[in-house]
């Protein structure tokens, strides 16, 4: 029984680590693009909350979709 549990935990960790690594890389890329977005802003421009949200919402929806797909995947 213990062997089965440790095998299951090991499999879960092996499948989770690449997903977490990809997520971390994706967050870094998003933040870099957001920094470029802010640095490229014209001096007199003032962006509202909707503009700032539009930078993060589309990738976040994709991230949630991927998370849901992984959660629903059958072993």
PDB file of N, CA and C in Angstrom:
ATOM      1  N   UNK A   1       0.823  -1.194   0.000  1.00  0.00           N
ATOM      2  CA  UNK A   1       0.000   0.000   0.000  1.00  0.00           C
ATOM      3  C   UNK A   1       0.863   1.252   0.000  1.00  0.00           C
ATOM      4  N   UNK A   2       1.887   1.273   0.841  1.00  0.00           N
ATOM      5  CA  UNK A   2       2.754   2.444   0.917  1.00  0.00           C
ATOM      6  C   UNK A   2       3.474   2.672  -0.408  1.00  0.00           C
ATOM      7  N   UNK A   3       3.858   1.591  -1.050  1.00  0.00           N
ATOM      8  CA  UNK A   3       4.541   1.700  -2.339  1.00  0.00           C
ATOM      9  C   UNK A   3       3.633   2.354  -3.381  1.00  0.00           C
ATOM     10  N   UNK A   4       2.359   2.017  -3.354  1.00  0.00           N
ATOM     11  CA  UNK A   4       1.406   2.603  -4.291  1.00  0.00           C
ATOM     12  C   UNK A   4       1.214   4.088  -4.063  1.00  0.00           C
ATOM     13  N   UNK A   5       1.165   4.494  -2.794  1.00  0.00           N
ATOM     14  CA  UNK A   5       0.988   5.911  -2.468  1.00  0.00           C
ATOM     15  C   UNK A   5       2.214   6.705  -2.885  1.00  0.00           C
ATOM     16  N   UNK A   6       3.398   6.197  -2.586  1.00  0.00           N
ATOM     17  CA  UNK A   6       4.614   6.929  -2.956  1.00  0.00           C
ATOM     18  C   UNK A   6       4.761   6.997  -4.469  1.00  0.00           C
ATOM     19  N   UNK A   7       4.352   5.962  -5.167  1.00  0.00           N
ATOM     20  CA  UNK A   7       4.393   5.978  -6.625  1.00  0.00           C
ATOM     21  C   UNK A   7       3.428   7.024  -7.179  1.00  0.00           C
ATOM     22  N   UNK A   8       2.248   7.110  -6.591  1.00  0.00           N
ATOM     23  CA  UNK A   8       1.257   8.094  -7.021  1.00  0.00           C
ATOM     24  C   UNK A   8       1.744   9.510  -6.749  1.00  0.00           C
ATOM     25  N   UNK A   9       2.330   9.726  -5.586  1.00  0.00           N
ATOM     26  CA  UNK A   9       2.861  11.050  -5.243  1.00  0.00           C
ATOM     27  C   UNK A   9       4.000  11.414  -6.185  1.00  0.00           C
ATOM     28  N   UNK A  10       4.882  10.460  -6.453  1.00  0.00           N
ATOM     29  CA  UNK A  10       5.995  10.712  -7.370  1.00  0.00           C
ATOM     30  C   UNK A  10       5.514  11.082  -8.758  1.00  0.00           C
ATOM     31  N   UNK A  11       4.498  10.390  -9.241  1.00  0.00           N
ATOM     32  CA  UNK A  11       3.934  10.700 -10.555  1.00  0.00           C
ATOM     33  C   UNK A  11       3.318  12.095 -10.559  1.00  0.00           C
ATOM     34  N   UNK A  12       2.596  12.435  -9.507  1.00  0.00           N
ATOM     35  CA  UNK A  12       1.973  13.759  -9.423  1.00  0.00           C
ATOM     36  C   UNK A  12       3.024  14.860  -9.419  1.00  0.00           C
ATOM     37  N   UNK A  13       4.110  14.649  -8.684  1.00  0.00           N
ATOM     38  CA  UNK A  13       5.182  15.651  -8.633  1.00  0.00           C
ATOM     39  C   UNK A  13       5.849  15.776  -9.996  1.00  0.00           C
ATOM     40  N   UNK A  14       6.120  14.649 -10.651  1.00  0.00           N
ATOM     41  CA  UNK A  14       6.760  14.689 -11.971  1.00  0.00           C
ATOM     42  C   UNK A  14       5.894  15.409 -12.994  1.00  0.00           C
ATOM     43  N   UNK A  15       4.596  15.303 -12.873  1.00  0.00           N
ATOM     44  CA  UNK A  15       3.700  15.986 -13.806  1.00  0.00           C
ATOM     45  C   UNK A  15       3.488  17.451 -13.436  1.00  0.00           C
ATOM     46  N   UNK A  16       3.649  17.795 -12.169  1.00  0.00           N
ATOM     47  CA  UNK A  16       3.383  19.155 -11.710  1.00  0.00           C
ATOM     48  C   UNK A  16       4.569  20.086 -11.909  1.00  0.00           C
ATOM     49  N   UNK A  17       5.777  19.591 -11.714  1.00  0.00           N
ATOM     50  CA  UNK A  17       6.963  20.451 -11.780  1.00  0.00           C
ATOM     51  C   UNK A  17       7.106  21.147 -13.136  1.00  0.00           C
ATOM     52  N   UNK A  18       6.964  20.449 -14.275  1.00  0.00           N
ATOM     53  CA  UNK A  18       7.066  21.171 -15.547  1.00  0.00           C
ATOM     54  C   UNK A  18       5.988  22.242 -15.697  1.00  0.00           C
ATOM     55  N   UNK A  19       4.775  21.955 -15.226  1.00  0.00           N
ATOM     56  CA  UNK A  19       3.698  22.938 -15.306  1.00  0.00           C
ATOM     57  C   UNK A  19       4.037  24.178 -14.486  1.00  0.00           C
ATOM     58  N   UNK A  20       4.578  23.983 -13.286  1.00  0.00           N
ATOM     59  CA  UNK A  20       4.960  25.126 -12.450  1.00  0.00           C
ATOM     60  C   UNK A  20       6.109  25.906 -13.071  1.00  0.00           C
ATOM     61  N   UNK A  21       7.051  25.210 -13.684  1.00  0.00           N
ATOM     62  CA  UNK A  21       8.171  25.896 -14.342  1.00  0.00           C
ATOM     63  C   UNK A  21       7.668  26.733 -15.512  1.00  0.00           C
ATOM     64  N   UNK A  22       6.783  26.164 -16.316  1.00  0.00           N
ATOM     65  CA  UNK A  22       6.216  26.915 -17.441  1.00  0.00           C
ATOM     66  C   UNK A  22       5.427  28.111 -16.928  1.00  0.00           C
ATOM     67  N   UNK A  23       4.694  27.938 -15.841  1.00  0.00           N
ATOM     68  CA  UNK A  23       3.926  29.034 -15.256  1.00  0.00           C
ATOM     69  C   UNK A  23       4.846  30.152 -14.786  1.00  0.00           C
ATOM     70  N   UNK A  24       5.941  29.803 -14.136  1.00  0.00           N
ATOM     71  CA  UNK A  24       6.894  30.817 -13.659  1.00  0.00           C
ATOM     72  C   UNK A  24       7.506  31.576 -14.831  1.00  0.00           C
ATOM     73  N   UNK A  25       7.883  30.868 -15.876  1.00  0.00           N
ATOM     74  CA  UNK A  25       8.452  31.526 -17.064  1.00  0.00           C
ATOM     75  C   UNK A  25       7.410  32.440 -17.697  1.00  0.00           C
ATOM     76  N   UNK A  26       6.174  31.972 -17.785  1.00  0.00           N
ATOM     77  CA  UNK A  26       5.107  32.773 -18.378  1.00  0.00           C
ATOM     78  C   UNK A  26       4.857  34.043 -17.565  1.00  0.00           C
ATOM     79  N   UNK A  27       4.891  33.964 -16.252  1.00  0.00           N
ATOM     80  CA  UNK A  27       4.693  35.145 -15.406  1.00  0.00           C
ATOM     81  C   UNK A  27       5.814  36.153 -15.631  1.00  0.00           C
ATOM     82  N   UNK A  28       7.041  35.681 -15.726  1.00  0.00           N
ATOM     83  CA  UNK A  28       8.176  36.580 -15.978  1.00  0.00           C
ATOM     84  C   UNK A  28       8.011  37.267 -17.328  1.00  0.00           C
ATOM     85  N   UNK A  29       7.630  36.516 -18.352  1.00  0.00           N
ATOM     86  CA  UNK A  29       7.435  37.107 -19.683  1.00  0.00           C
ATOM     87  C   UNK A  29       6.318  38.142 -19.650  1.00  0.00           C
ATOM     88  N   UNK A  30       5.203  37.830 -18.964  1.00  0.00           N
ATOM     89  CA  UNK A  30       4.100  38.791 -18.861  1.00  0.00           C
ATOM     90  C   UNK A  30       4.542  40.076 -18.177  1.00  0.00           C
ATOM     91  N   UNK A  31       5.313  39.948 -17.102  1.00  0.00           N
ATOM     92  CA  UNK A  31       5.765  41.142 -16.386  1.00  0.00           C
ATOM     93  C   UNK A  31       6.735  41.959 -17.229  1.00  0.00           C
ATOM     94  N   UNK A  32       7.588  41.298 -17.991  1.00  0.00           N
ATOM     95  CA  UNK A  32       8.496  42.025 -18.882  1.00  0.00           C
ATOM     96  C   UNK A  32       7.722  42.770 -19.970  1.00  0.00           C
ATOM     97  N   UNK A  33       6.732  42.125 -20.545  1.00  0.00           N
ATOM     98  CA  UNK A  33       5.919  42.801 -21.558  1.00  0.00           C
ATOM     99  C   UNK A  33       5.136  43.969 -20.956  1.00  0.00           C
ATOM    100  N   UNK A  34       4.662  43.800 -19.733  1.00  0.00           N
ATOM    101  CA  UNK A  34       3.945  44.886 -19.066  1.00  0.00           C
ATOM    102  C   UNK A  34       4.891  46.055 -18.795  1.00  0.00           C
ATOM    103  N   UNK A  35       6.124  45.756 -18.411  1.00  0.00           N
ATOM    104  CA  UNK A  35       7.110  46.818 -18.192  1.00  0.00           C
ATOM    105  C   UNK A  35       7.380  47.565 -19.493  1.00  0.00           C
ATOM    106  N   UNK A  36       7.513  46.831 -20.597  1.00  0.00           N
ATOM    107  CA  UNK A  36       7.703  47.492 -21.894  1.00  0.00           C
ATOM    108  C   UNK A  36       6.485  48.337 -22.258  1.00  0.00           C
ATOM    109  N   UNK A  37       5.311  47.839 -21.948  1.00  0.00           N
ATOM    110  CA  UNK A  37       4.072  48.569 -22.183  1.00  0.00           C
ATOM    111  C   UNK A  37       4.083  49.894 -21.417  1.00  0.00           C
ATOM    112  N   UNK A  38       4.496  49.859 -20.158  1.00  0.00           N
ATOM    113  CA  UNK A  38       4.520  51.080 -19.353  1.00  0.00           C
ATOM    114  C   UNK A  38       5.642  52.018 -19.777  1.00  0.00           C
ATOM    115  N   UNK A  39       6.790  51.461 -20.141  1.00  0.00           N
ATOM    116  CA  UNK A  39       7.907  52.302 -20.574  1.00  0.00           C
ATOM    117  C   UNK A  39       7.633  52.971 -21.918  1.00  0.00           C
ATOM    118  N   UNK A  40       6.830  52.338 -22.762  1.00  0.00           N
ATOM    119  CA  UNK A  40       6.520  52.898 -24.074  1.00  0.00           C
ATOM    120  C   UNK A  40       5.354  53.863 -24.065  1.00  0.00           C
ATOM    121  N   UNK A  41       4.795  54.105 -22.898  1.00  0.00           N
ATOM    122  CA  UNK A  41       3.640  55.000 -22.780  1.00  0.00           C
ATOM    123  C   UNK A  41       4.064  56.438 -23.073  1.00  0.00           C
ATOM    124  N   UNK A  42       3.306  57.145 -23.909  1.00  0.00           N
ATOM    125  CA  UNK A  42       3.611  58.558 -24.145  1.00  0.00           C
ATOM    126  C   UNK A  42       3.526  59.358 -22.843  1.00  0.00           C
ATOM    127  N   UNK A  43       4.276  60.439 -22.790  1.00  0.00           N
ATOM    128  CA  UNK A  43       4.399  61.226 -21.560  1.00  0.00           C
ATOM    129  C   UNK A  43       3.056  61.738 -21.040  1.00  0.00           C
ATOM    130  N   UNK A  44       2.176  62.183 -21.908  1.00  0.00           N
ATOM    131  CA  UNK A  44       0.919  62.766 -21.455  1.00  0.00           C
ATOM    132  C   UNK A  44      -0.219  61.772 -21.316  1.00  0.00           C
ATOM    133  N   UNK A  45       0.016  60.530 -21.656  1.00  0.00           N
ATOM    134  CA  UNK A  45      -1.066  59.536 -21.651  1.00  0.00           C
ATOM    135  C   UNK A  45      -1.361  59.048 -20.239  1.00  0.00           C
ATOM    136  N   UNK A  46      -2.624  58.826 -19.997  1.00  0.00           N
ATOM    137  CA  UNK A  46      -3.052  58.268 -18.717  1.00  0.00           C
ATOM    138  C   UNK A  46      -3.975  57.092 -19.014  1.00  0.00           C
ATOM    139  N   UNK A  47      -3.544  55.903 -18.653  1.00  0.00           N
ATOM    140  CA  UNK A  47      -4.326  54.702 -18.931  1.00  0.00           C
ATOM    141  C   UNK A  47      -5.243  54.393 -17.759  1.00  0.00           C
ATOM    142  N   UNK A  48      -6.449  53.985 -18.085  1.00  0.00           N
ATOM    143  CA  UNK A  48      -7.409  53.587 -17.061  1.00  0.00           C
ATOM    144  C   UNK A  48      -7.214  52.135 -16.651  1.00  0.00           C
ATOM    145  N   UNK A  49      -7.957  51.714 -15.639  1.00  0.00           N
ATOM    146  CA  UNK A  49      -7.830  50.333 -15.157  1.00  0.00           C
ATOM    147  C   UNK A  49      -8.127  49.287 -16.229  1.00  0.00           C
ATOM    148  N   UNK A  50      -9.038  49.595 -17.150  1.00  0.00           N
ATOM    149  CA  UNK A  50      -9.383  48.623 -18.194  1.00  0.00           C
ATOM    150  C   UNK A  50      -8.192  48.351 -19.108  1.00  0.00           C
ATOM    151  N   UNK A  51      -7.395  49.361 -19.380  1.00  0.00           N
ATOM    152  CA  UNK A  51      -6.216  49.176 -20.235  1.00  0.00           C
ATOM    153  C   UNK A  51      -5.194  48.305 -19.521  1.00  0.00           C
ATOM    154  N   UNK A  52      -4.972  48.574 -18.246  1.00  0.00           N
ATOM    155  CA  UNK A  52      -4.013  47.760 -17.492  1.00  0.00           C
ATOM    156  C   UNK A  52      -4.515  46.318 -17.371  1.00  0.00           C
ATOM    157  N   UNK A  53      -5.803  46.143 -17.165  1.00  0.00           N
ATOM    158  CA  UNK A  53      -6.365  44.791 -17.058  1.00  0.00           C
ATOM    159  C   UNK A  53      -6.249  44.044 -18.375  1.00  0.00           C
ATOM    160  N   UNK A  54      -6.350  44.760 -19.491  1.00  0.00           N
ATOM    161  CA  UNK A  54      -6.281  44.093 -20.793  1.00  0.00           C
ATOM    162  C   UNK A  54      -4.909  43.480 -21.045  1.00  0.00           C
ATOM    163  N   UNK A  55      -3.903  43.937 -20.319  1.00  0.00           N
ATOM    164  CA  UNK A  55      -2.573  43.348 -20.455  1.00  0.00           C
ATOM    165  C   UNK A  55      -2.529  41.986 -19.766  1.00  0.00           C
ATOM    166  N   UNK A  56      -3.221  41.841 -18.650  1.00  0.00           N
ATOM    167  CA  UNK A  56      -3.133  40.621 -17.849  1.00  0.00           C
ATOM    168  C   UNK A  56      -4.283  39.634 -18.056  1.00  0.00           C
ATOM    169  N   UNK A  57      -5.455  40.102 -18.409  1.00  0.00           N
ATOM    170  CA  UNK A  57      -6.621  39.215 -18.467  1.00  0.00           C
ATOM    171  C   UNK A  57      -6.517  38.139 -19.550  1.00  0.00           C
ATOM    172  N   UNK A  58      -6.175  38.464 -20.804  1.00  0.00           N
ATOM    173  CA  UNK A  58      -6.121  37.385 -21.814  1.00  0.00           C
ATOM    174  C   UNK A  58      -5.150  36.253 -21.460  1.00  0.00           C
ATOM    175  N   UNK A  59      -3.915  36.551 -21.039  1.00  0.00           N
ATOM    176  CA  UNK A  59      -3.050  35.433 -20.659  1.00  0.00           C
ATOM    177  C   UNK A  59      -3.567  34.686 -19.431  1.00  0.00           C
ATOM    178  N   UNK A  60      -4.206  35.404 -18.516  1.00  0.00           N
ATOM    179  CA  UNK A  60      -4.734  34.757 -17.318  1.00  0.00           C
ATOM    180  C   UNK A  60      -5.857  33.784 -17.676  1.00  0.00           C
ATOM    181  N   UNK A  61      -6.690  34.151 -18.639  1.00  0.00           N
ATOM    182  CA  UNK A  61      -7.755  33.251 -19.090  1.00  0.00           C
ATOM    183  C   UNK A  61      -7.143  31.997 -19.708  1.00  0.00           C
ATOM    184  N   UNK A  62      -6.087  32.174 -20.501  1.00  0.00           N
ATOM    185  CA  UNK A  62      -5.398  31.017 -21.070  1.00  0.00           C
ATOM    186  C   UNK A  62      -4.787  30.141 -19.994  1.00  0.00           C
ATOM    187  N   UNK A  63      -4.200  30.763 -18.989  1.00  0.00           N
ATOM    188  CA  UNK A  63      -3.610  30.019 -17.877  1.00  0.00           C
ATOM    189  C   UNK A  63      -4.683  29.222 -17.134  1.00  0.00           C
ATOM    190  N   UNK A  64      -5.827  29.842 -16.877  1.00  0.00           N
ATOM    191  CA  UNK A  64      -6.915  29.133 -16.198  1.00  0.00           C
ATOM    192  C   UNK A  64      -7.435  27.973 -17.046  1.00  0.00           C
ATOM    193  N   UNK A  65      -7.520  28.188 -18.355  1.00  0.00           N
ATOM    194  CA  UNK A  65      -7.954  27.111 -19.239  1.00  0.00           C
ATOM    195  C   UNK A  65      -7.000  25.932 -19.201  1.00  0.00           C
ATOM    196  N   UNK A  66      -5.708  26.232 -19.201  1.00  0.00           N
ATOM    197  CA  UNK A  66      -4.712  25.157 -19.135  1.00  0.00           C
ATOM    198  C   UNK A  66      -4.790  24.438 -17.794  1.00  0.00           C
ATOM    199  N   UNK A  67      -4.954  25.191 -16.724  1.00  0.00           N
ATOM    200  CA  UNK A  67      -5.072  24.588 -15.398  1.00  0.00           C
ATOM    201  C   UNK A  67      -6.293  23.673 -15.327  1.00  0.00           C
ATOM    202  N   UNK A  68      -7.402  24.124 -15.869  1.00  0.00           N
ATOM    203  CA  UNK A  68      -8.613  23.310 -15.874  1.00  0.00           C
ATOM    204  C   UNK A  68      -8.418  22.043 -16.704  1.00  0.00           C
ATOM    205  N   UNK A  69      -7.770  22.184 -17.854  1.00  0.00           N
ATOM    206  CA  UNK A  69      -7.518  21.012 -18.698  1.00  0.00           C
ATOM    207  C   UNK A  69      -6.655  19.990 -17.967  1.00  0.00           C
ATOM    208  N   UNK A  70      -5.620  20.469 -17.276  1.00  0.00           N
ATOM    209  CA  UNK A  70      -4.753  19.554 -16.525  1.00  0.00           C
ATOM    210  C   UNK A  70      -5.507  18.899 -15.371  1.00  0.00           C
ATOM    211  N   UNK A  71      -6.391  19.660 -14.731  1.00  0.00           N
ATOM    212  CA  UNK A  71      -7.147  19.112 -13.602  1.00  0.00           C
ATOM    213  C   UNK A  71      -8.149  18.050 -14.056  1.00  0.00           C
ATOM    214  N   UNK A  72      -8.693  18.216 -15.245  1.00  0.00           N
ATOM    215  CA  UNK A  72      -9.699  17.282 -15.744  1.00  0.00           C
ATOM    216  C   UNK A  72      -9.105  16.116 -16.527  1.00  0.00           C
ATOM    217  N   UNK A  73      -7.811  16.169 -16.765  1.00  0.00           N
ATOM    218  CA  UNK A  73      -7.158  15.110 -17.536  1.00  0.00           C
ATOM    219  C   UNK A  73      -7.225  13.801 -16.760  1.00  0.00           C
ATOM    220  N   UNK A  74      -7.573  12.749 -17.462  1.00  0.00           N
ATOM    221  CA  UNK A  74      -7.638  11.445 -16.804  1.00  0.00           C
ATOM    222  C   UNK A  74      -6.265  10.796 -16.832  1.00  0.00           C
ATOM    223  N   UNK A  75      -5.877  10.162 -15.737  1.00  0.00           N
ATOM    224  CA  UNK A  75      -4.543   9.543 -15.676  1.00  0.00           C
ATOM    225  C   UNK A  75      -4.427   8.317 -16.553  1.00  0.00           C
TER     226      UNK A  75
END
